């Protein structure tokens, strides 16, 4: 994979194109990454004894690794390789 956990990335294609965020989790078997603040979905919770009303939570869903690129914060542009990163 061309990215690591903790890298700052920019989404380059898909519904969330143009958004940036930090990688919080990598799913290597599925070639997917979870990016903070990108692809947020609502999950409904059933009623339980601990939570009698039920409810909703928001969580980030994974996106394919080919839809993200490394982002250089200082230069404000996408970089091709890790060695081009000014961080």
PDB file of N, CA and C in Angstrom:
ATOM      1  N   UNK A   1       0.834  -1.186   0.000  1.00  0.00           N
ATOM      2  CA  UNK A   1       0.000   0.000   0.000  1.00  0.00           C
ATOM      3  C   UNK A   1       0.877   1.248   0.000  1.00  0.00           C
ATOM      4  N   UNK A   2       0.389   2.279  -0.627  1.00  0.00           N
ATOM      5  CA  UNK A   2       1.154   3.511  -0.733  1.00  0.00           C
ATOM      6  C   UNK A   2       0.912   4.474   0.432  1.00  0.00           C
ATOM      7  N   UNK A   3       0.055   4.096   1.374  1.00  0.00           N
ATOM      8  CA  UNK A   3      -0.236   4.947   2.535  1.00  0.00           C
ATOM      9  C   UNK A   3      -0.072   4.139   3.813  1.00  0.00           C
ATOM     10  N   UNK A   4       0.125   4.874   4.921  1.00  0.00           N
ATOM     11  CA  UNK A   4       0.256   4.244   6.226  1.00  0.00           C
ATOM     12  C   UNK A   4      -0.752   4.862   7.177  1.00  0.00           C
ATOM     13  N   UNK A   5      -0.972   4.191   8.286  1.00  0.00           N
ATOM     14  CA  UNK A   5      -1.858   4.725   9.304  1.00  0.00           C
ATOM     15  C   UNK A   5      -1.263   6.016   9.854  1.00  0.00           C
ATOM     16  N   UNK A   6      -2.085   7.059   9.942  1.00  0.00           N
ATOM     17  CA  UNK A   6      -1.622   8.346  10.426  1.00  0.00           C
ATOM     18  C   UNK A   6      -1.260   9.324   9.326  1.00  0.00           C
ATOM     19  N   UNK A   7      -1.186   8.868   8.079  1.00  0.00           N
ATOM     20  CA  UNK A   7      -0.874   9.758   6.958  1.00  0.00           C
ATOM     21  C   UNK A   7      -2.036  10.701   6.678  1.00  0.00           C
ATOM     22  N   UNK A   8      -1.711  11.887   6.219  1.00  0.00           N
ATOM     23  CA  UNK A   8      -2.711  12.840   5.770  1.00  0.00           C
ATOM     24  C   UNK A   8      -2.950  12.566   4.293  1.00  0.00           C
ATOM     25  N   UNK A   9      -4.204  12.335   3.912  1.00  0.00           N
ATOM     26  CA  UNK A   9      -4.527  11.994   2.531  1.00  0.00           C
ATOM     27  C   UNK A   9      -5.652  12.875   2.012  1.00  0.00           C
ATOM     28  N   UNK A  10      -5.768  12.925   0.685  1.00  0.00           N
ATOM     29  CA  UNK A  10      -6.851  13.636   0.019  1.00  0.00           C
ATOM     30  C   UNK A  10      -7.600  12.630  -0.824  1.00  0.00           C
ATOM     31  N   UNK A  11      -8.927  12.692  -0.793  1.00  0.00           N
ATOM     32  CA  UNK A  11      -9.753  11.798  -1.603  1.00  0.00           C
ATOM     33  C   UNK A  11      -9.747  12.348  -3.026  1.00  0.00           C
ATOM     34  N   UNK A  12      -9.354  11.508  -4.001  1.00  0.00           N
ATOM     35  CA  UNK A  12      -9.203  11.974  -5.371  1.00  0.00           C
ATOM     36  C   UNK A  12     -10.327  11.520  -6.290  1.00  0.00           C
ATOM     37  N   UNK A  13     -11.208  10.627  -5.824  1.00  0.00           N
ATOM     38  CA  UNK A  13     -12.353  10.240  -6.637  1.00  0.00           C
ATOM     39  C   UNK A  13     -13.456   9.693  -5.750  1.00  0.00           C
ATOM     40  N   UNK A  14     -14.667   9.729  -6.263  1.00  0.00           N
ATOM     41  CA  UNK A  14     -15.816   9.239  -5.515  1.00  0.00           C
ATOM     42  C   UNK A  14     -16.671  10.370  -4.989  1.00  0.00           C
ATOM     43  N   UNK A  15     -17.634  10.039  -4.153  1.00  0.00           N
ATOM     44  CA  UNK A  15     -18.577  11.013  -3.625  1.00  0.00           C
ATOM     45  C   UNK A  15     -17.931  12.055  -2.725  1.00  0.00           C
ATOM     46  N   UNK A  16     -16.809  11.735  -2.122  1.00  0.00           N
ATOM     47  CA  UNK A  16     -16.165  12.638  -1.168  1.00  0.00           C
ATOM     48  C   UNK A  16     -14.899  13.264  -1.751  1.00  0.00           C
ATOM     49  N   UNK A  17     -14.859  13.392  -3.063  1.00  0.00           N
ATOM     50  CA  UNK A  17     -13.699  13.937  -3.758  1.00  0.00           C
ATOM     51  C   UNK A  17     -13.373  15.341  -3.245  1.00  0.00           C
ATOM     52  N   UNK A  18     -12.083  15.559  -2.947  1.00  0.00           N
ATOM     53  CA  UNK A  18     -11.630  16.861  -2.496  1.00  0.00           C
ATOM     54  C   UNK A  18     -11.464  16.975  -0.993  1.00  0.00           C
ATOM     55  N   UNK A  19     -12.035  16.061  -0.219  1.00  0.00           N
ATOM     56  CA  UNK A  19     -11.908  16.118   1.234  1.00  0.00           C
ATOM     57  C   UNK A  19     -10.553  15.561   1.667  1.00  0.00           C
ATOM     58  N   UNK A  20     -10.028  16.101   2.770  1.00  0.00           N
ATOM     59  CA  UNK A  20      -8.772  15.603   3.314  1.00  0.00           C
ATOM     60  C   UNK A  20      -9.001  15.101   4.727  1.00  0.00           C
ATOM     61  N   UNK A  21      -8.148  14.195   5.160  1.00  0.00           N
ATOM     62  CA  UNK A  21      -8.242  13.656   6.508  1.00  0.00           C
ATOM     63  C   UNK A  21      -7.086  12.731   6.802  1.00  0.00           C
ATOM     64  N   UNK A  22      -7.004  12.317   8.057  1.00  0.00           N
ATOM     65  CA  UNK A  22      -5.937  11.430   8.512  1.00  0.00           C
ATOM     66  C   UNK A  22      -6.443   9.994   8.495  1.00  0.00           C
ATOM     67  N   UNK A  23      -5.594   9.070   8.085  1.00  0.00           N
ATOM     68  CA  UNK A  23      -5.964   7.654   8.053  1.00  0.00           C
ATOM     69  C   UNK A  23      -5.963   7.117   9.478  1.00  0.00           C
ATOM     70  N   UNK A  24      -7.108   6.563   9.889  1.00  0.00           N
ATOM     71  CA  UNK A  24      -7.202   6.029  11.242  1.00  0.00           C
ATOM     72  C   UNK A  24      -7.076   4.507  11.269  1.00  0.00           C
ATOM     73  N   UNK A  25      -7.393   3.856  10.161  1.00  0.00           N
ATOM     74  CA  UNK A  25      -7.350   2.394  10.141  1.00  0.00           C
ATOM     75  C   UNK A  25      -7.110   1.915   8.715  1.00  0.00           C
ATOM     76  N   UNK A  26      -6.351   0.814   8.581  1.00  0.00           N
ATOM     77  CA  UNK A  26      -6.101   0.212   7.276  1.00  0.00           C
ATOM     78  C   UNK A  26      -6.611  -1.217   7.295  1.00  0.00           C
ATOM     79  N   UNK A  27      -7.414  -1.567   6.292  1.00  0.00           N
ATOM     80  CA  UNK A  27      -7.932  -2.929   6.133  1.00  0.00           C
ATOM     81  C   UNK A  27      -7.222  -3.550   4.935  1.00  0.00           C
ATOM     82  N   UNK A  28      -6.086  -4.186   5.190  1.00  0.00           N
ATOM     83  CA  UNK A  28      -5.233  -4.690   4.115  1.00  0.00           C
ATOM     84  C   UNK A  28      -5.892  -5.798   3.291  1.00  0.00           C
ATOM     85  N   UNK A  29      -6.631  -6.674   3.923  1.00  0.00           N
ATOM     86  CA  UNK A  29      -7.255  -7.791   3.202  1.00  0.00           C
ATOM     87  C   UNK A  29      -8.277  -7.303   2.184  1.00  0.00           C
ATOM     88  N   UNK A  30      -8.882  -6.142   2.447  1.00  0.00           N
ATOM     89  CA  UNK A  30      -9.916  -5.618   1.557  1.00  0.00           C
ATOM     90  C   UNK A  30      -9.425  -4.442   0.717  1.00  0.00           C
ATOM     91  N   UNK A  31      -8.145  -4.051   0.864  1.00  0.00           N
ATOM     92  CA  UNK A  31      -7.570  -2.885   0.174  1.00  0.00           C
ATOM     93  C   UNK A  31      -8.381  -1.622   0.430  1.00  0.00           C
ATOM     94  N   UNK A  32      -8.744  -1.394   1.688  1.00  0.00           N
ATOM     95  CA  UNK A  32      -9.537  -0.229   2.050  1.00  0.00           C
ATOM     96  C   UNK A  32      -8.904   0.499   3.224  1.00  0.00           C
ATOM     97  N   UNK A  33      -9.229   1.793   3.351  1.00  0.00           N
ATOM     98  CA  UNK A  33      -8.748   2.610   4.457  1.00  0.00           C
ATOM     99  C   UNK A  33      -9.921   3.373   5.054  1.00  0.00           C
ATOM    100  N   UNK A  34      -9.796   3.697   6.345  1.00  0.00           N
ATOM    101  CA  UNK A  34     -10.784   4.524   7.026  1.00  0.00           C
ATOM    102  C   UNK A  34     -10.130   5.875   7.263  1.00  0.00           C
ATOM    103  N   UNK A  35     -10.758   6.935   6.727  1.00  0.00           N
ATOM    104  CA  UNK A  35     -10.225   8.284   6.834  1.00  0.00           C
ATOM    105  C   UNK A  35     -11.132   9.089   7.765  1.00  0.00           C
ATOM    106  N   UNK A  36     -10.530   9.788   8.732  1.00  0.00           N
ATOM    107  CA  UNK A  36     -11.297  10.562   9.702  1.00  0.00           C
ATOM    108  C   UNK A  36     -12.079  11.671   9.010  1.00  0.00           C
ATOM    109  N   UNK A  37     -13.377  11.735   9.270  1.00  0.00           N
ATOM    110  CA  UNK A  37     -14.227  12.789   8.730  1.00  0.00           C
ATOM    111  C   UNK A  37     -14.684  12.588   7.305  1.00  0.00           C
ATOM    112  N   UNK A  38     -14.336  11.464   6.697  1.00  0.00           N
ATOM    113  CA  UNK A  38     -14.716  11.185   5.312  1.00  0.00           C
ATOM    114  C   UNK A  38     -15.581   9.932   5.282  1.00  0.00           C
ATOM    115  N   UNK A  39     -16.624   9.942   4.464  1.00  0.00           N
ATOM    116  CA  UNK A  39     -17.533   8.818   4.283  1.00  0.00           C
ATOM    117  C   UNK A  39     -18.205   8.439   5.607  1.00  0.00           C
ATOM    118  N   UNK A  40     -18.763   9.433   6.278  1.00  0.00           N
ATOM    119  CA  UNK A  40     -19.424   9.221   7.567  1.00  0.00           C
ATOM    120  C   UNK A  40     -20.823   8.676   7.333  1.00  0.00           C
ATOM    121  N   UNK A  41     -21.140   7.590   7.993  1.00  0.00           N
ATOM    122  CA  UNK A  41     -22.440   6.929   7.879  1.00  0.00           C
ATOM    123  C   UNK A  41     -23.119   6.914   9.231  1.00  0.00           C
ATOM    124  N   UNK A  42     -24.449   6.879   9.214  1.00  0.00           N
ATOM    125  CA  UNK A  42     -25.209   6.759  10.453  1.00  0.00           C
ATOM    126  C   UNK A  42     -25.593   5.298  10.653  1.00  0.00           C
ATOM    127  N   UNK A  43     -25.404   4.816  11.873  1.00  0.00           N
ATOM    128  CA  UNK A  43     -25.752   3.443  12.214  1.00  0.00           C
ATOM    129  C   UNK A  43     -26.830   3.485  13.283  1.00  0.00           C
ATOM    130  N   UNK A  44     -27.928   2.793  13.038  1.00  0.00           N
ATOM    131  CA  UNK A  44     -29.020   2.762  14.012  1.00  0.00           C
ATOM    132  C   UNK A  44     -28.761   1.682  15.044  1.00  0.00           C
ATOM    133  N   UNK A  45     -29.044   2.004  16.306  1.00  0.00           N
ATOM    134  CA  UNK A  45     -28.851   1.053  17.395  1.00  0.00           C
ATOM    135  C   UNK A  45     -30.205   0.562  17.887  1.00  0.00           C
ATOM    136  N   UNK A  46     -30.308  -0.729  18.138  1.00  0.00           N
ATOM    137  CA  UNK A  46     -31.539  -1.291  18.688  1.00  0.00           C
ATOM    138  C   UNK A  46     -31.722  -0.882  20.139  1.00  0.00           C
ATOM    139  N   UNK A  47     -32.922  -0.985  20.598  1.00  0.00           N
ATOM    140  CA  UNK A  47     -33.196  -0.730  22.009  1.00  0.00           C
ATOM    141  C   UNK A  47     -32.624  -1.863  22.850  1.00  0.00           C
ATOM    142  N   UNK A  48     -31.954  -1.498  23.940  1.00  0.00           N
ATOM    143  CA  UNK A  48     -31.413  -2.487  24.871  1.00  0.00           C
ATOM    144  C   UNK A  48     -31.714  -2.019  26.287  1.00  0.00           C
ATOM    145  N   UNK A  49     -31.382  -2.839  27.262  1.00  0.00           N
ATOM    146  CA  UNK A  49     -31.601  -2.439  28.643  1.00  0.00           C
ATOM    147  C   UNK A  49     -30.682  -1.275  29.033  1.00  0.00           C
ATOM    148  N   UNK A  50     -29.473  -1.258  28.488  1.00  0.00           N
ATOM    149  CA  UNK A  50     -28.557  -0.168  28.785  1.00  0.00           C
ATOM    150  C   UNK A  50     -28.957   1.110  28.042  1.00  0.00           C
ATOM    151  N   UNK A  51     -29.578   0.979  26.880  1.00  0.00           N
ATOM    152  CA  UNK A  51     -29.977   2.113  26.049  1.00  0.00           C
ATOM    153  C   UNK A  51     -31.442   1.915  25.642  1.00  0.00           C
ATOM    154  N   UNK A  52     -32.394   2.213  26.532  1.00  0.00           N
ATOM    155  CA  UNK A  52     -33.796   1.895  26.268  1.00  0.00           C
ATOM    156  C   UNK A  52     -34.421   2.642  25.098  1.00  0.00           C
ATOM    157  N   UNK A  53     -33.865   3.786  24.715  1.00  0.00           N
ATOM    158  CA  UNK A  53     -34.426   4.537  23.593  1.00  0.00           C
ATOM    159  C   UNK A  53     -33.845   4.118  22.245  1.00  0.00           C
ATOM    160  N   UNK A  54     -32.749   3.371  22.249  1.00  0.00           N
ATOM    161  CA  UNK A  54     -32.086   3.066  20.998  1.00  0.00           C
ATOM    162  C   UNK A  54     -31.265   4.265  20.581  1.00  0.00           C
ATOM    163  N   UNK A  55     -31.190   4.535  19.299  1.00  0.00           N
ATOM    164  CA  UNK A  55     -30.509   5.739  18.851  1.00  0.00           C
ATOM    165  C   UNK A  55     -29.696   5.542  17.597  1.00  0.00           C
ATOM    166  N   UNK A  56     -28.868   6.535  17.302  1.00  0.00           N
ATOM    167  CA  UNK A  56     -28.004   6.519  16.138  1.00  0.00           C
ATOM    168  C   UNK A  56     -26.600   6.936  16.541  1.00  0.00           C
ATOM    169  N   UNK A  57     -25.614   6.376  15.843  1.00  0.00           N
ATOM    170  CA  UNK A  57     -24.234   6.837  15.995  1.00  0.00           C
ATOM    171  C   UNK A  57     -23.685   7.091  14.600  1.00  0.00           C
ATOM    172  N   UNK A  58     -22.720   7.993  14.521  1.00  0.00           N
ATOM    173  CA  UNK A  58     -22.056   8.251  13.254  1.00  0.00           C
ATOM    174  C   UNK A  58     -20.665   7.638  13.306  1.00  0.00           C
ATOM    175  N   UNK A  59     -20.294   6.953  12.210  1.00  0.00           N
ATOM    176  CA  UNK A  59     -18.973   6.359  12.144  1.00  0.00           C
ATOM    177  C   UNK A  59     -18.475   6.411  10.709  1.00  0.00           C
ATOM    178  N   UNK A  60     -17.151   6.428  10.568  1.00  0.00           N
ATOM    179  CA  UNK A  60     -16.555   6.471   9.242  1.00  0.00           C
ATOM    180  C   UNK A  60     -16.576   5.087   8.617  1.00  0.00           C
ATOM    181  N   UNK A  61     -16.963   5.025   7.352  1.00  0.00           N
ATOM    182  CA  UNK A  61     -16.953   3.769   6.605  1.00  0.00           C
ATOM    183  C   UNK A  61     -15.676   3.744   5.759  1.00  0.00           C
ATOM    184  N   UNK A  62     -15.158   2.552   5.461  1.00  0.00           N
ATOM    185  CA  UNK A  62     -13.924   2.471   4.677  1.00  0.00           C
ATOM    186  C   UNK A  62     -14.147   2.832   3.208  1.00  0.00           C
ATOM    187  N   UNK A  63     -13.085   3.370   2.585  1.00  0.00           N
ATOM    188  CA  UNK A  63     -13.095   3.633   1.150  1.00  0.00           C
ATOM    189  C   UNK A  63     -11.896   2.936   0.533  1.00  0.00           C
ATOM    190  N   UNK A  64     -11.944   2.691  -0.760  1.00  0.00           N
ATOM    191  CA  UNK A  64     -10.877   1.957  -1.427  1.00  0.00           C
ATOM    192  C   UNK A  64      -9.597   2.784  -1.438  1.00  0.00           C
ATOM    193  N   UNK A  65      -8.473   2.103  -1.272  1.00  0.00           N
ATOM    194  CA  UNK A  65      -7.183   2.773  -1.160  1.00  0.00           C
ATOM    195  C   UNK A  65      -6.805   3.496  -2.454  1.00  0.00           C
ATOM    196  N   UNK A  66      -7.335   3.072  -3.589  1.00  0.00           N
ATOM    197  CA  UNK A  66      -7.010   3.736  -4.853  1.00  0.00           C
ATOM    198  C   UNK A  66      -7.699   5.091  -4.981  1.00  0.00           C
ATOM    199  N   UNK A  67      -8.638   5.393  -4.109  1.00  0.00           N
ATOM    200  CA  UNK A  67      -9.352   6.660  -4.160  1.00  0.00           C
ATOM    201  C   UNK A  67      -8.703   7.733  -3.293  1.00  0.00           C
ATOM    202  N   UNK A  68      -7.548   7.433  -2.674  1.00  0.00           N
ATOM    203  CA  UNK A  68      -6.864   8.422  -1.845  1.00  0.00           C
ATOM    204  C   UNK A  68      -5.430   8.613  -2.332  1.00  0.00           C
ATOM    205  N   UNK A  69      -4.888   9.815  -2.066  1.00  0.00           N
ATOM    206  CA  UNK A  69      -3.501  10.124  -2.412  1.00  0.00           C
ATOM    207  C   UNK A  69      -2.875  10.870  -1.245  1.00  0.00           C
ATOM    208  N   UNK A  70      -1.564  10.710  -1.079  1.00  0.00           N
ATOM    209  CA  UNK A  70      -0.843  11.422  -0.022  1.00  0.00           C
ATOM    210  C   UNK A  70      -0.987  12.920  -0.223  1.00  0.00           C
ATOM    211  N   UNK A  71      -1.163  13.661   0.871  1.00  0.00           N
ATOM    212  CA  UNK A  71      -1.365  15.106   0.817  1.00  0.00           C
ATOM    213  C   UNK A  71      -0.251  15.787   1.593  1.00  0.00           C
ATOM    214  N   UNK A  72       0.403  16.744   0.951  1.00  0.00           N
ATOM    215  CA  UNK A  72       1.448  17.539   1.600  1.00  0.00           C
ATOM    216  C   UNK A  72       0.814  18.819   2.121  1.00  0.00           C
ATOM    217  N   UNK A  73       0.746  18.963   3.439  1.00  0.00           N
ATOM    218  CA  UNK A  73       0.070  20.107   4.065  1.00  0.00           C
ATOM    219  C   UNK A  73       0.811  21.414   3.792  1.00  0.00           C
ATOM    220  N   UNK A  74       2.142  21.372   3.806  1.00  0.00           N
ATOM    221  CA  UNK A  74       2.916  22.594   3.591  1.00  0.00           C
ATOM    222  C   UNK A  74       2.766  23.123   2.164  1.00  0.00           C
ATOM    223  N   UNK A  75       2.892  22.235   1.187  1.00  0.00           N
ATOM    224  CA  UNK A  75       2.821  22.646  -0.214  1.00  0.00           C
ATOM    225  C   UNK A  75       1.384  22.725  -0.717  1.00  0.00           C
ATOM    226  N   UNK A  76       0.432  22.192   0.046  1.00  0.00           N
ATOM    227  CA  UNK A  76      -0.985  22.165  -0.336  1.00  0.00           C
ATOM    228  C   UNK A  76      -1.192  21.487  -1.689  1.00  0.00           C
ATOM    229  N   UNK A  77      -0.566  20.293  -1.844  1.00  0.00           N
ATOM    230  CA  UNK A  77      -0.745  19.542  -3.083  1.00  0.00           C
ATOM    231  C   UNK A  77      -0.560  18.048  -2.823  1.00  0.00           C
ATOM    232  N   UNK A  78      -1.012  17.261  -3.781  1.00  0.00           N
ATOM    233  CA  UNK A  78      -0.875  15.810  -3.728  1.00  0.00           C
ATOM    234  C   UNK A  78       0.550  15.453  -4.130  1.00  0.00           C
ATOM    235  N   UNK A  79       1.159  14.511  -3.400  1.00  0.00           N
ATOM    236  CA  UNK A  79       2.499  14.039  -3.736  1.00  0.00           C
ATOM    237  C   UNK A  79       2.432  12.589  -4.187  1.00  0.00           C
ATOM    238  N   UNK A  80       3.337  12.221  -5.070  1.00  0.00           N
ATOM    239  CA  UNK A  80       3.323  10.868  -5.627  1.00  0.00           C
ATOM    240  C   UNK A  80       3.990   9.856  -4.695  1.00  0.00           C
ATOM    241  N   UNK A  81       5.095  10.264  -4.055  1.00  0.00           N
ATOM    242  CA  UNK A  81       5.855   9.333  -3.234  1.00  0.00           C
ATOM    243  C   UNK A  81       6.095   9.921  -1.857  1.00  0.00           C
ATOM    244  N   UNK A  82       6.348   9.055  -0.906  1.00  0.00           N
ATOM    245  CA  UNK A  82       6.573   9.468   0.478  1.00  0.00           C
ATOM    246  C   UNK A  82       7.818  10.362   0.595  1.00  0.00           C
ATOM    247  N   UNK A  83       8.834  10.120  -0.209  1.00  0.00           N
ATOM    248  CA  UNK A  83      10.073  10.914  -0.114  1.00  0.00           C
ATOM    249  C   UNK A  83       9.856  12.352  -0.600  1.00  0.00           C
ATOM    250  N   UNK A  84       8.775  12.617  -1.355  1.00  0.00           N
ATOM    251  CA  UNK A  84       8.459  13.966  -1.811  1.00  0.00           C
ATOM    252  C   UNK A  84       7.751  14.776  -0.743  1.00  0.00           C
ATOM    253  N   UNK A  85       7.383  14.131   0.361  1.00  0.00           N
ATOM    254  CA  UNK A  85       6.661  14.788   1.437  1.00  0.00           C
ATOM    255  C   UNK A  85       7.585  15.729   2.203  1.00  0.00           C
ATOM    256  N   UNK A  86       7.137  16.969   2.431  1.00  0.00           N
ATOM    257  CA  UNK A  86       7.970  17.951   3.122  1.00  0.00           C
ATOM    258  C   UNK A  86       7.831  17.895   4.629  1.00  0.00           C
ATOM    259  N   UNK A  87       7.120  16.931   5.171  1.00  0.00           N
ATOM    260  CA  UNK A  87       6.874  16.863   6.614  1.00  0.00           C
ATOM    261  C   UNK A  87       8.022  16.305   7.338  1.00  0.00           C
TER     262      UNK A  87
END
